[in-house]
C-alpha atoms as a PDB file:
ATOM      1  CA  UNK A   1      11.935 -14.325 -10.425  1.00  0.00           C
ATOM      2  CA  UNK A   2      11.324 -10.702 -11.352  1.00  0.00           C
ATOM      3  CA  UNK A   3      12.447  -8.057  -8.858  1.00  0.00           C
ATOM      4  CA  UNK A   4      10.940  -4.588  -8.604  1.00  0.00           C
ATOM      5  CA  UNK A   5      12.849  -1.550  -7.365  1.00  0.00           C
ATOM      6  CA  UNK A   6      11.180   1.162  -5.314  1.00  0.00           C
ATOM      7  CA  UNK A   7      10.429   3.155  -8.469  1.00  0.00           C
ATOM      8  CA  UNK A   8       9.038   0.247 -10.489  1.00  0.00           C
ATOM      9  CA  UNK A   9       6.986  -0.990  -7.517  1.00  0.00           C
ATOM     10  CA  UNK A  10       5.551   2.511  -7.130  1.00  0.00           C
ATOM     11  CA  UNK A  11       4.490   2.520 -10.782  1.00  0.00           C
ATOM     12  CA  UNK A  12       2.996  -0.984 -10.501  1.00  0.00           C
ATOM     13  CA  UNK A  13       0.979  -0.057  -7.387  1.00  0.00           C
ATOM     14  CA  UNK A  14       0.089   3.503  -8.482  1.00  0.00           C
ATOM     15  CA  UNK A  15       1.846   4.991  -5.463  1.00  0.00           C
ATOM     16  CA  UNK A  16       4.774   7.327  -4.992  1.00  0.00           C
ATOM     17  CA  UNK A  17       8.272   6.077  -4.245  1.00  0.00           C
ATOM     18  CA  UNK A  18       8.012   7.749  -0.825  1.00  0.00           C
ATOM     19  CA  UNK A  19       4.822   5.796  -0.068  1.00  0.00           C
ATOM     20  CA  UNK A  20       6.534   2.548  -1.080  1.00  0.00           C
ATOM     21  CA  UNK A  21       9.457   3.285   1.255  1.00  0.00           C
ATOM     22  CA  UNK A  22       7.006   4.179   4.052  1.00  0.00           C
ATOM     23  CA  UNK A  23       5.110   0.891   3.705  1.00  0.00           C
ATOM     24  CA  UNK A  24       8.362  -1.096   3.445  1.00  0.00           C
ATOM     25  CA  UNK A  25       9.812   0.505   6.595  1.00  0.00           C
ATOM     26  CA  UNK A  26       6.506  -0.009   8.408  1.00  0.00           C
ATOM     27  CA  UNK A  27       6.417  -3.665   7.393  1.00  0.00           C
ATOM     28  CA  UNK A  28       3.104  -3.597   5.533  1.00  0.00           C
ATOM     29  CA  UNK A  29       4.980  -4.171   2.253  1.00  0.00           C
ATOM     30  CA  UNK A  30       7.541  -6.959   2.432  1.00  0.00           C
ATOM     31  CA  UNK A  31      10.819  -6.417   0.650  1.00  0.00           C
ATOM     32  CA  UNK A  32      14.573  -6.532   0.966  1.00  0.00           C
ATOM     33  CA  UNK A  33      16.563  -3.385   1.567  1.00  0.00           C
ATOM     34  CA  UNK A  34      19.591  -3.273  -0.709  1.00  0.00           C
ATOM     35  CA  UNK A  35      21.661  -0.243   0.242  1.00  0.00           C
ATOM     36  CA  UNK A  36      19.369   2.761  -0.018  1.00  0.00           C
ATOM     37  CA  UNK A  37      16.900   1.050  -2.322  1.00  0.00           C
ATOM     38  CA  UNK A  38      14.311  -1.650  -1.715  1.00  0.00           C
ATOM     39  CA  UNK A  39      13.672  -4.741  -3.826  1.00  0.00           C
ATOM     40  CA  UNK A  40      10.299  -6.479  -4.048  1.00  0.00           C
ATOM     41  CA  UNK A  41       9.072  -9.669  -5.681  1.00  0.00           C
ATOM     42  CA  UNK A  42       5.804 -10.040  -7.569  1.00  0.00           C
ATOM     43  CA  UNK A  43       4.489 -12.026  -4.595  1.00  0.00           C
ATOM     44  CA  UNK A  44       5.321  -9.096  -2.274  1.00  0.00           C
ATOM     45  CA  UNK A  45       3.330  -6.702  -4.463  1.00  0.00           C
ATOM     46  CA  UNK A  46       0.406  -9.128  -4.827  1.00  0.00           C
ATOM     47  CA  UNK A  47       0.241  -9.606  -1.054  1.00  0.00           C
ATOM     48  CA  UNK A  48       0.261  -5.846  -0.520  1.00  0.00           C
ATOM     49  CA  UNK A  49      -2.577  -5.390  -3.040  1.00  0.00           C
ATOM     50  CA  UNK A  50      -4.712  -7.976  -1.209  1.00  0.00           C
ATOM     51  CA  UNK A  51      -4.183  -6.522   2.257  1.00  0.00           C
ATOM     52  CA  UNK A  52      -4.082  -2.796   1.479  1.00  0.00           C
ATOM     53  CA  UNK A  53      -6.993  -0.723   2.707  1.00  0.00           C
ATOM     54  CA  UNK A  54      -8.352   1.665   0.058  1.00  0.00           C
ATOM     55  CA  UNK A  55      -7.381   5.309   0.635  1.00  0.00           C
ATOM     56  CA  UNK A  56      -9.858   7.754   2.100  1.00  0.00           C
ATOM     57  CA  UNK A  57     -12.516   7.672   4.741  1.00  0.00           C
ATOM     58  CA  UNK A  58     -14.570   4.472   4.986  1.00  0.00           C
ATOM     59  CA  UNK A  59     -18.180   4.851   3.848  1.00  0.00           C
ATOM     60  CA  UNK A  60     -20.828   5.313   6.492  1.00  0.00           C
ATOM     61  CA  UNK A  61     -23.106   2.303   6.728  1.00  0.00           C
ATOM     62  CA  UNK A  62     -26.002   3.905   8.574  1.00  0.00           C
ATOM     63  CA  UNK A  63     -26.773   7.433   7.434  1.00  0.00           C
ATOM     64  CA  UNK A  64     -30.377   7.393   8.716  1.00  0.00           C
ATOM     65  CA  UNK A  65     -29.226   7.336  12.333  1.00  0.00           C
ATOM     66  CA  UNK A  66     -27.259  10.546  11.847  1.00  0.00           C
ATOM     67  CA  UNK A  67     -30.295  12.277  10.294  1.00  0.00           C
ATOM     68  CA  UNK A  68     -32.535  11.296  13.242  1.00  0.00           C
ATOM     69  CA  UNK A  69     -30.188  12.838  15.811  1.00  0.00           C
ATOM     70  CA  UNK A  70     -30.478  16.370  14.437  1.00  0.00           C
END
């Protein structure tokens, strides 16, 4: 079983170490806290990838309605 530290998990998920710690403390990224650092398995990272919402504002599905209200 391969374990990822906060830094290596951040690189694998293209996030910052602070974002990894935020998600781990919030519970959206499962892991084990070992002292100050967090440890994650490959399964933890894969689960986070599947459930993570893409960053940014969601796309609008009905732009014609907005145009008609002006």
